[in-house]
Protein backbone atom coordinates (compact mmCIF):
# COMPACT_ATOMS: atom_id res chain seq x y z
CA UNK A 1 4.28 -43.77 -35.89
CA UNK A 2 3.35 -45.13 -32.48
CA UNK A 3 6.60 -43.76 -30.97
CA UNK A 4 5.85 -40.33 -32.43
CA UNK A 5 2.34 -40.36 -30.90
CA UNK A 6 3.75 -41.32 -27.51
CA UNK A 7 6.35 -38.56 -27.77
CA UNK A 8 3.69 -35.97 -28.64
CA UNK A 9 1.51 -37.18 -25.74
CA UNK A 10 4.39 -36.90 -23.28
CA UNK A 11 5.26 -33.45 -24.60
CA UNK A 12 1.67 -32.22 -24.21
CA UNK A 13 1.51 -33.71 -20.71
CA UNK A 14 4.70 -31.91 -19.75
CA UNK A 15 3.33 -28.63 -21.11
CA UNK A 16 0.10 -29.05 -19.13
CA UNK A 17 2.04 -29.72 -15.95
CA UNK A 18 4.19 -26.67 -16.61
CA UNK A 19 1.11 -24.48 -17.07
CA UNK A 20 -0.79 -25.72 -14.04
CA UNK A 21 2.04 -26.40 -11.57
CA UNK A 22 5.18 -24.53 -10.66
CA UNK A 23 8.21 -24.88 -8.42
CA UNK A 24 8.59 -21.82 -6.22
CA UNK A 25 12.06 -21.28 -4.79
CA UNK A 26 12.78 -19.23 -1.65
CA UNK A 27 16.02 -18.33 0.10
CA UNK A 28 15.45 -17.83 3.81
CA UNK A 29 17.91 -17.27 6.65
CA UNK A 30 17.37 -17.36 10.42
CA UNK A 31 19.17 -14.34 11.83
CA UNK A 32 19.64 -12.86 15.30
CA UNK A 33 18.42 -9.25 15.37
CA UNK A 34 17.44 -6.48 17.74
CA UNK A 35 13.68 -5.88 17.54
CA UNK A 36 12.00 -2.57 18.37
CA UNK A 37 8.40 -2.97 19.54
CA UNK A 38 7.66 0.78 19.28
CA UNK A 39 10.05 2.77 17.05
CA UNK A 40 8.23 6.05 17.75
CA UNK A 41 8.48 5.67 21.55
CA UNK A 42 4.87 6.87 21.54
CA UNK A 43 1.36 5.48 21.85
CA UNK A 44 0.27 6.61 18.39
CA UNK A 45 -3.38 5.64 18.95
CA UNK A 46 -3.81 7.98 21.91
CA UNK A 47 -1.25 10.75 21.33
CA UNK A 48 0.90 10.21 24.40
CA UNK A 49 4.12 8.50 25.51
CA UNK A 50 4.12 4.74 25.87
CA UNK A 51 3.15 3.90 29.47
CA UNK A 52 5.24 1.93 31.92
CA UNK A 53 6.38 -0.78 32.16
CA UNK A 54 6.80 -1.00 28.38
CA UNK A 55 8.47 2.40 28.09
CA UNK A 56 11.35 1.14 30.23
CA UNK A 57 12.60 -1.21 27.48
CA UNK A 58 11.25 -1.54 23.96
CA UNK A 59 14.21 -3.18 22.18
CA UNK A 60 14.98 -6.86 22.67
CA UNK A 61 17.14 -9.54 21.06
CA UNK A 62 15.11 -11.66 18.64
CA UNK A 63 15.60 -14.19 15.84
CA UNK A 64 13.75 -13.72 12.56
CA UNK A 65 13.33 -15.34 9.16
CA UNK A 66 14.88 -13.05 6.52
CA UNK A 67 14.37 -13.61 2.77
CA UNK A 68 17.15 -13.16 0.20
CA UNK A 69 17.16 -12.97 -3.58
CA UNK A 70 19.40 -15.99 -4.27
CA UNK A 71 21.63 -18.68 -2.77
CA UNK A 72 24.46 -16.24 -1.99
CA UNK A 73 22.31 -14.75 0.79
CA UNK A 74 23.87 -11.36 0.13
CA UNK A 75 20.92 -9.22 -1.05
CA UNK A 76 17.81 -9.00 1.09
CA UNK A 77 14.48 -9.21 -0.68
CA UNK A 78 12.18 -6.30 0.24
CA UNK A 79 9.15 -7.17 2.29
CA UNK A 80 6.06 -5.10 3.13
CA UNK A 81 6.51 -2.99 6.25
CA UNK A 82 3.25 -4.33 7.69
CA UNK A 83 4.68 -7.86 7.97
CA UNK A 84 6.71 -6.56 10.89
CA UNK A 85 8.50 -9.34 12.74
CA UNK A 86 7.01 -12.05 10.50
CA UNK A 87 9.12 -13.83 7.93
CA UNK A 88 8.41 -13.63 4.18
CA UNK A 89 5.12 -14.80 2.70
CA UNK A 90 5.59 -18.26 1.18
CA UNK A 91 3.13 -18.60 -1.71
CA UNK A 92 1.82 -21.47 -3.79
CA UNK A 93 -1.21 -22.48 -5.77
CA UNK A 94 -2.58 -25.98 -5.40
CA UNK A 95 -0.25 -28.37 -7.18
CA UNK A 96 2.89 -26.26 -6.77
CA UNK A 97 6.13 -27.44 -5.21
CA UNK A 98 7.94 -25.21 -2.73
CA UNK A 99 11.71 -25.32 -2.31
CA UNK A 100 13.22 -23.48 0.66
CA UNK A 101 16.99 -23.00 0.69
CA UNK A 102 17.45 -22.41 4.44
CA UNK A 103 20.58 -20.93 6.03
CA UNK A 104 20.93 -20.76 9.80
CA UNK A 105 22.87 -17.59 10.64
CA UNK A 106 21.66 -17.69 14.24
CA UNK A 107 23.66 -18.79 17.27
CA UNK A 108 21.34 -21.76 17.98
CA UNK A 109 19.97 -24.71 15.95
CA UNK A 110 16.78 -23.87 14.07
CA UNK A 111 14.47 -25.23 11.39
CA UNK A 112 11.36 -24.43 9.34
CA UNK A 113 8.20 -26.45 9.96
CA UNK A 114 5.17 -25.86 7.69
CA UNK A 115 1.49 -26.28 8.47
CA UNK A 116 -0.93 -27.47 5.79
CA UNK A 117 1.61 -28.65 3.22
CA UNK A 118 2.70 -32.17 2.29
CA UNK A 119 6.24 -33.26 3.16
CA UNK A 120 8.25 -36.36 4.01
CA UNK A 121 10.08 -36.97 7.29
CA UNK A 122 13.33 -35.25 6.32
CA UNK A 123 11.45 -32.13 5.25
CA UNK A 124 9.16 -31.87 8.27
CA UNK A 125 11.45 -29.44 10.12
CA UNK A 126 10.36 -30.64 13.58
CA UNK A 127 12.68 -32.14 16.21
CA UNK A 128 11.31 -35.21 18.00
CA UNK A 129 11.90 -38.97 17.83
CA UNK A 130 12.23 -40.24 15.19
CA UNK A 131 13.95 -37.16 13.78
CA UNK A 132 14.34 -36.08 10.17
CA UNK A 133 17.36 -34.54 8.47
CA UNK A 134 15.89 -31.01 8.50
CA UNK A 135 14.73 -31.01 12.12
CA UNK A 136 17.68 -29.07 13.59
CA UNK A 137 20.02 -27.10 11.34
CA UNK A 138 23.15 -26.14 13.24
CA UNK A 139 24.51 -22.57 13.32
CA UNK A 140 26.13 -21.85 9.97
CA UNK A 141 24.45 -24.88 8.40
CA UNK A 142 22.11 -25.13 5.44
CA UNK A 143 19.22 -27.39 4.49
CA UNK A 144 16.91 -27.43 1.47
CA UNK A 145 13.27 -28.12 2.32
CA UNK A 146 10.88 -29.57 -0.27
CA UNK A 147 7.16 -29.10 0.37
CA UNK A 148 4.08 -29.70 -1.79
CA UNK A 149 0.81 -27.75 -1.86
CA UNK A 150 -1.55 -30.62 -2.62
CA UNK A 151 -5.36 -30.57 -2.79
CA UNK A 152 -5.72 -30.68 0.98
CA UNK A 153 -3.43 -27.64 1.29
CA UNK A 154 -5.82 -25.44 -0.67
CA UNK A 155 -9.27 -23.99 -0.11
CA UNK A 156 -12.27 -26.27 0.36
CA UNK A 157 -15.63 -25.76 -1.32
CA UNK A 158 -16.85 -23.29 1.31
CA UNK A 159 -13.54 -21.42 1.60
CA UNK A 160 -12.41 -18.23 -0.13
CA UNK A 161 -9.96 -18.51 -3.01
CA UNK A 162 -6.90 -18.61 -0.73
CA UNK A 163 -5.98 -19.88 2.72
CA UNK A 164 -3.27 -18.99 5.21
CA UNK A 165 -1.05 -21.50 7.02
CA UNK A 166 1.83 -21.19 9.45
CA UNK A 167 5.51 -21.92 9.16
CA UNK A 168 7.71 -21.61 12.24
CA UNK A 169 10.76 -23.00 13.96
CA UNK A 170 10.35 -26.65 14.96
CA UNK A 171 13.62 -27.37 16.76
CA UNK A 172 12.33 -25.85 20.02
CA UNK A 173 8.98 -24.52 18.87
CA UNK A 174 7.74 -22.65 21.97
CA UNK A 175 11.05 -20.85 22.37
CA UNK A 176 11.49 -20.17 18.64
CA UNK A 177 7.98 -18.74 18.22
CA UNK A 178 8.58 -16.38 21.11
CA UNK A 179 11.87 -15.21 19.59
CA UNK A 180 10.13 -14.34 16.32
CA UNK A 181 10.72 -17.34 14.05
CA UNK A 182 7.26 -17.20 12.47
CA UNK A 183 5.82 -16.63 9.03
CA UNK A 184 2.78 -17.15 6.77
CA UNK A 185 2.12 -19.58 3.93
CA UNK A 186 -0.66 -18.58 1.52
CA UNK A 187 -2.10 -21.23 -0.80
CA UNK A 188 -4.47 -20.26 -3.63
CA UNK A 189 -6.90 -22.55 -5.43
CA UNK A 190 -6.21 -23.83 -8.95
CA UNK A 191 -7.35 -21.45 -11.65
CA UNK A 192 -7.69 -18.58 -9.18
CA UNK A 193 -4.06 -17.50 -8.85
CA UNK A 194 -1.95 -14.89 -10.56
CA UNK A 195 1.53 -15.93 -11.76
CA UNK A 196 3.00 -14.98 -8.37
CA UNK A 197 0.50 -17.21 -6.57
CA UNK A 198 -1.70 -14.45 -5.14
CA UNK A 199 -5.50 -14.75 -5.59
CA UNK A 200 -6.98 -13.05 -8.65
CA UNK A 201 -10.14 -11.92 -6.90
CA UNK A 202 -8.29 -9.83 -4.30
CA UNK A 203 -6.65 -6.42 -4.78
CA UNK A 204 -4.69 -6.29 -1.53
CA UNK A 205 -3.69 -8.71 1.23
CA UNK A 206 -2.60 -8.25 4.85
CA UNK A 207 -1.33 -10.75 7.39
CA UNK A 208 -1.81 -9.97 11.08
CA UNK A 209 -0.30 -12.00 13.93
CA UNK A 210 -1.82 -11.44 17.38
CA UNK A 211 0.63 -12.66 20.01
CA UNK A 212 1.90 -11.74 23.47
CA UNK A 213 5.69 -11.97 23.33
CA UNK A 214 7.17 -12.99 26.68
CA UNK A 215 10.59 -11.45 27.29
CA UNK A 216 11.01 -12.12 31.02
CA UNK A 217 9.64 -15.56 31.78
CA UNK A 218 6.06 -14.51 32.47
CA UNK A 219 6.75 -11.38 34.50
CA UNK A 220 4.17 -8.67 33.70
CA UNK A 221 6.79 -6.08 32.74
CA UNK A 222 8.12 -8.47 30.09
CA UNK A 223 4.85 -9.15 28.25
CA UNK A 224 4.50 -7.30 24.94
CA UNK A 225 0.96 -7.36 23.51
CA UNK A 226 1.82 -7.10 19.85
CA UNK A 227 0.36 -7.18 16.35
CA UNK A 228 3.12 -8.37 14.00
CA UNK A 229 5.61 -7.46 16.71
CA UNK A 230 4.48 -3.84 17.24
CA UNK A 231 2.62 -2.27 20.15
CA UNK A 232 0.58 0.90 20.76
CA UNK A 233 -0.20 1.75 17.13
CA UNK A 234 3.34 1.43 15.76
CA UNK A 235 2.53 -1.20 13.09
CA UNK A 236 3.05 0.59 9.73
CA UNK A 237 1.69 0.04 6.25
CA UNK A 238 -1.93 -1.09 6.70
CA UNK A 239 -3.04 1.17 3.86
CA UNK A 240 -5.58 0.44 1.14
CA UNK A 241 -7.27 2.34 -1.67
CA UNK A 242 -10.97 3.04 -1.64
CA UNK A 243 -13.04 0.30 -3.37
CA UNK A 244 -10.25 -2.29 -3.19
CA UNK A 245 -11.08 -5.89 -2.33
CA UNK A 246 -8.97 -6.61 0.72
CA UNK A 247 -8.18 -9.99 2.25
CA UNK A 248 -7.03 -10.25 5.87
CA UNK A 249 -5.13 -13.34 6.99
CA UNK A 250 -5.30 -13.58 10.78
CA UNK A 251 -2.91 -15.68 12.85
CA UNK A 252 -2.70 -16.53 16.54
CA UNK A 253 0.24 -18.03 18.39
CA UNK A 254 1.64 -18.14 21.90
CA UNK A 255 0.53 -19.28 25.34
CA UNK A 256 -2.74 -19.74 27.22
CA UNK A 257 -3.07 -15.96 27.54
CA UNK A 258 -3.12 -15.70 23.75
CA UNK A 259 -6.88 -15.73 23.31
CA UNK A 260 -7.47 -12.87 20.91
CA UNK A 261 -10.43 -11.16 19.27
CA UNK A 262 -9.29 -8.99 16.33
CA UNK A 263 -11.75 -6.12 15.82
CA UNK A 264 -12.00 -3.62 12.97
CA UNK A 265 -13.46 -0.16 13.47
CA UNK A 266 -15.05 1.47 10.44
CA UNK A 267 -15.85 -1.68 8.42
CA UNK A 268 -17.22 -5.18 8.73
CA UNK A 269 -15.65 -8.24 7.11
CA UNK A 270 -16.99 -11.43 5.59
CA UNK A 271 -15.81 -14.43 7.58
CA UNK A 272 -17.13 -17.82 6.57
CA UNK A 273 -20.84 -17.39 5.91
CA UNK A 274 -21.36 -14.34 8.10
CA UNK A 275 -20.64 -10.66 8.42
CA UNK A 276 -18.77 -9.61 11.53
CA UNK A 277 -16.26 -7.11 12.86
CA UNK A 278 -14.74 -9.42 15.52
CA UNK A 279 -13.06 -12.81 14.94
CA UNK A 280 -11.90 -15.31 17.57
CA UNK A 281 -8.28 -16.57 17.56
CA UNK A 282 -6.52 -19.16 19.71
CA UNK A 283 -2.81 -20.11 19.74
CA UNK A 284 -1.87 -21.80 16.46
CA UNK A 285 -5.08 -20.75 14.72
CA UNK A 286 -5.52 -19.29 11.24
CA UNK A 287 -8.45 -17.36 9.75
CA UNK A 288 -9.30 -15.53 6.51
CA UNK A 289 -11.65 -12.54 6.25
CA UNK A 290 -12.60 -10.33 3.29
CA UNK A 291 -13.31 -6.60 3.35
CA UNK A 292 -14.57 -4.06 0.83
CA UNK A 293 -12.59 -0.87 1.44
CA UNK A 294 -15.45 1.59 0.98
CA UNK A 295 -15.28 3.80 4.07
CA UNK A 296 -12.37 6.27 3.79
CA UNK A 297 -10.57 7.17 6.99
CA UNK A 298 -8.02 5.95 9.50
CA UNK A 299 -9.54 3.27 11.70
CA UNK A 300 -8.59 1.31 14.80
CA UNK A 301 -7.66 -2.39 14.45
CA UNK A 302 -7.09 -4.12 17.76
CA UNK A 303 -7.66 -7.08 20.04
CA UNK A 304 -10.85 -6.67 22.04
CA UNK A 305 -9.59 -8.48 25.15
CA UNK A 306 -9.52 -5.75 27.82
CA UNK A 307 -6.08 -6.57 29.25
CA UNK A 308 -4.62 -6.76 25.75
CA UNK A 309 -6.04 -3.35 24.84
CA UNK A 310 -4.45 -1.86 27.95
CA UNK A 311 -1.17 -3.52 26.95
CA UNK A 312 -1.15 -1.85 23.53
CA UNK A 313 -2.38 -4.58 21.16
CA UNK A 314 -3.52 -1.79 18.87
CA UNK A 315 -2.92 -0.72 15.29
CA UNK A 316 -4.64 1.47 12.72
CA UNK A 317 -5.53 0.87 9.09
CA UNK A 318 -6.24 3.54 6.50
CA UNK A 319 -8.62 3.59 3.53
CA UNK A 320 -7.69 6.49 1.27
CA UNK A 321 -9.17 8.20 -1.76
CA UNK A 322 -6.55 8.81 -4.48
CA UNK A 323 -5.94 12.53 -5.05
CA UNK A 324 -4.53 14.22 -8.14
CA UNK A 325 -1.87 16.84 -7.50
CA UNK A 326 -2.37 20.07 -9.46
CA UNK A 327 0.71 21.91 -8.17
CA UNK A 328 2.69 23.94 -10.75
CA UNK A 329 5.92 22.98 -8.98
CA UNK A 330 7.38 19.53 -8.56
CA UNK A 331 9.78 18.64 -5.73
CA UNK A 332 12.40 16.67 -7.63
CA UNK A 333 14.84 15.68 -4.88
CA UNK A 334 16.02 16.66 -1.43
CA UNK A 335 19.09 16.12 0.77
CA UNK A 336 18.70 16.37 4.53
CA UNK A 337 21.43 14.07 5.84
CA UNK A 338 24.51 14.23 3.61
CA UNK A 339 25.77 17.74 4.36
CA UNK A 340 25.81 18.75 8.05
CA UNK A 341 24.21 22.14 8.63
CA UNK A 342 22.80 22.44 5.09
CA UNK A 343 19.65 21.16 3.43
CA UNK A 344 19.12 21.13 -0.34
CA UNK A 345 15.81 20.93 -2.21
CA UNK A 346 15.50 20.76 -5.99
CA UNK A 347 12.30 22.22 -7.51
CA UNK A 348 10.97 22.17 -11.08
CA UNK A 349 8.37 24.45 -12.69
CA UNK A 350 6.03 21.94 -14.35
CA UNK A 351 3.41 24.56 -15.20
CA UNK A 352 2.95 26.79 -18.22
CA UNK A 353 3.59 30.18 -16.57
CA UNK A 354 6.77 31.81 -15.20
CA UNK A 355 7.01 31.79 -11.39
CA UNK A 356 8.30 34.75 -9.39
CA UNK A 357 8.28 33.19 -5.88
CA UNK A 358 7.13 30.11 -4.01
CA UNK A 359 6.91 28.56 -0.54
CA UNK A 360 7.12 24.97 0.66
CA UNK A 361 5.88 23.50 3.95
CA UNK A 362 7.34 20.43 5.65
CA UNK A 363 6.64 17.81 8.33
CA UNK A 364 8.90 15.18 9.91
CA UNK A 365 8.45 11.44 10.19
CA UNK A 366 10.17 10.38 13.41
CA UNK A 367 8.94 6.82 12.71
CA UNK A 368 6.85 5.44 9.82
CA UNK A 369 3.58 6.44 11.54
CA UNK A 370 4.86 9.25 13.76
CA UNK A 371 4.26 12.43 11.75
CA UNK A 372 5.24 15.57 13.63
CA UNK A 373 4.99 19.22 12.51
CA UNK A 374 7.75 21.57 13.70
CA UNK A 375 6.86 25.05 14.99
CA UNK A 376 8.53 26.77 12.02
CA UNK A 377 7.81 24.66 8.93
CA UNK A 378 7.86 27.06 5.97
CA UNK A 379 10.56 27.88 3.42
CA UNK A 380 10.13 30.92 1.14
CA UNK A 381 12.09 31.28 -2.11
CA UNK A 382 12.00 34.42 -4.29
CA UNK A 383 14.00 33.00 -7.20
CA UNK A 384 12.18 33.25 -10.59
CA UNK A 385 11.57 29.96 -12.36
CA UNK A 386 10.62 29.61 -16.03
CA UNK A 387 8.38 26.77 -17.27
CA UNK A 388 10.47 23.59 -17.39
CA UNK A 389 13.31 25.14 -15.38
CA UNK A 390 14.79 23.46 -12.28
CA UNK A 391 16.53 25.11 -9.35
CA UNK A 392 18.29 23.75 -6.24
CA UNK A 393 17.62 25.76 -3.09
CA UNK A 394 19.84 25.66 -0.04
CA UNK A 395 18.40 26.26 3.42
CA UNK A 396 20.07 26.19 6.83
CA UNK A 397 20.13 22.71 8.34
CA UNK A 398 19.34 21.71 11.90
CA UNK A 399 22.34 22.01 14.24
CA UNK A 400 21.07 18.96 16.16
CA UNK A 401 18.44 16.26 15.70
CA UNK A 402 18.26 15.84 11.92
CA UNK A 403 19.80 12.38 12.27
CA UNK A 404 16.78 11.30 14.33
CA UNK A 405 14.33 12.15 11.53
CA UNK A 406 13.50 9.13 9.37
CA UNK A 407 11.85 11.14 6.58
CA UNK A 408 10.87 14.66 5.51
CA UNK A 409 7.47 15.38 3.98
CA UNK A 410 7.44 18.41 1.67
CA UNK A 411 4.25 20.17 0.51
CA UNK A 412 3.99 22.84 -2.20
CA UNK A 413 2.30 25.66 -0.26
CA UNK A 414 2.09 28.87 -2.32
CA UNK A 415 3.19 29.77 -5.85
CA UNK A 416 3.15 33.37 -7.09
CA UNK A 417 3.31 33.70 -10.88
CA UNK A 418 4.99 36.52 -12.77
CA UNK A 419 1.57 37.80 -13.89
CA UNK A 420 0.49 38.26 -10.26
CA UNK A 421 -1.85 35.25 -10.02
CA UNK A 422 -1.30 32.61 -7.35
CA UNK A 423 -1.71 28.90 -6.69
CA UNK A 424 -2.52 27.88 -3.10
CA UNK A 425 -2.00 24.34 -1.83
CA UNK A 426 -4.47 22.72 0.53
CA UNK A 427 -3.97 20.04 3.19
CA UNK A 428 -4.81 16.59 1.85
CA UNK A 429 -4.80 17.56 -1.84
CA UNK A 430 -2.34 14.81 -2.74
CA UNK A 431 0.57 17.20 -3.34
CA UNK A 432 3.39 15.90 -1.18
CA UNK A 433 6.74 14.15 -1.45
CA UNK A 434 8.32 11.93 1.18
CA UNK A 435 12.13 11.81 1.27
CA UNK A 436 13.40 8.90 3.37
CA UNK A 437 16.81 8.61 4.97
CA UNK A 438 16.61 4.89 4.06
CA UNK A 439 16.59 5.06 0.27
CA UNK A 440 15.06 1.55 0.08
CA UNK A 441 11.97 2.49 2.07
CA UNK A 442 8.78 1.89 0.06
CA UNK A 443 6.76 4.82 -1.23
CA UNK A 444 3.96 6.17 0.95
CA UNK A 445 0.70 6.64 -1.04
CA UNK A 446 -1.04 8.46 1.80
CA UNK A 447 0.29 10.28 4.87
CA UNK A 448 -0.35 9.13 8.44
CA UNK A 449 -2.43 11.48 10.57
CA UNK A 450 -0.58 14.42 12.09
CA UNK A 451 0.45 13.45 15.60
CA UNK A 452 -1.12 15.67 18.24
CA UNK A 453 0.06 14.92 21.75
CA UNK A 454 -2.57 14.69 24.44
CA UNK A 455 -2.31 14.78 28.21
CA UNK A 456 -4.27 13.60 31.22
CA UNK A 457 -5.24 17.18 32.06
């Protein structure tokens, strides 16, 4: 009887541990890449070309942390576009164990060193005497890190429900941080986390790294004033729905010039026990701020240090109001890259009345935030379409330049029904489809502002 009681007790204890603690496994590789600080080649905050000296060279060799789905390291795990150069978000709730299967695909030794978590010497990921086994993983080598999110890793009594910590290369930390080996760890309090580790009281999260990347040993023409590795408004994906509870995790890293003051236009945030729209960051620092997304629009988000503003440490964030599309036609699919000289668009009549003719407008995305409208952007089709019927339309393709377009945005413009009545689309009514050349690109819930180039005159 006593043995049975002990067995039941141990079983219940195991179940409790399973409910309240988890082991979270990640597969992360260090890889040498070419990084583009400004994919649009434009200053998207001011409507003009990127100024010199940055316009002279915007692509540089970097090393990044890339997440994969399993130990084969063959399928990349998607990550939000707004993370930019940062590695994947490593999540845990207090009490969880974190296992990182690390593969060094770079040409130099690297490691992963966490802030805020508990680890032993071998799992520290930092090279100094006395060294641990995971302090310098050679090219082609692997190491499995084991970290613990204990009580001191999580929020204190005065903190929000989740905190942000750093992980970064620790083999040659100053060099590795500058190459791009950086990423966030987010730890959520017990009882306040969803199954994936994210905080329950937040609808959307963003991580923003403010850092001046030094590409030429301190020379002014090699300093890139970046947010998540992007300059002059090229950081994509900072999009939120009206009324969402948004949490911003702010990170600083770099040198003595990396004294940053992130500033939001359009909204204030709650930081600690105060309301503010500017927060102070120093190298290695971490901060958490909460925002209520209740002021629709596209707003500036930037460092308020004057030299950093001039250097392009600028981004925008968008609060949008969801719109219902009432169009009687639905743009099912489109092909703009497969057949040279020919474009194909498939349209369906999703209304209740026969259609006699229709027109569709289009814009181009030259980069995720670079939306450009061509001079002639209207297709007219006079083919009848019954309710429920689909039709593929062929239009002449561009002789040159289509390969430089990352995505096409199509808008139902005008529908003429067989009974003579019409439906007219309006800008911003939510009726649009984005067709990306990269089929894996995430959906775009709201369009970036139309780019209008400005000049000094």
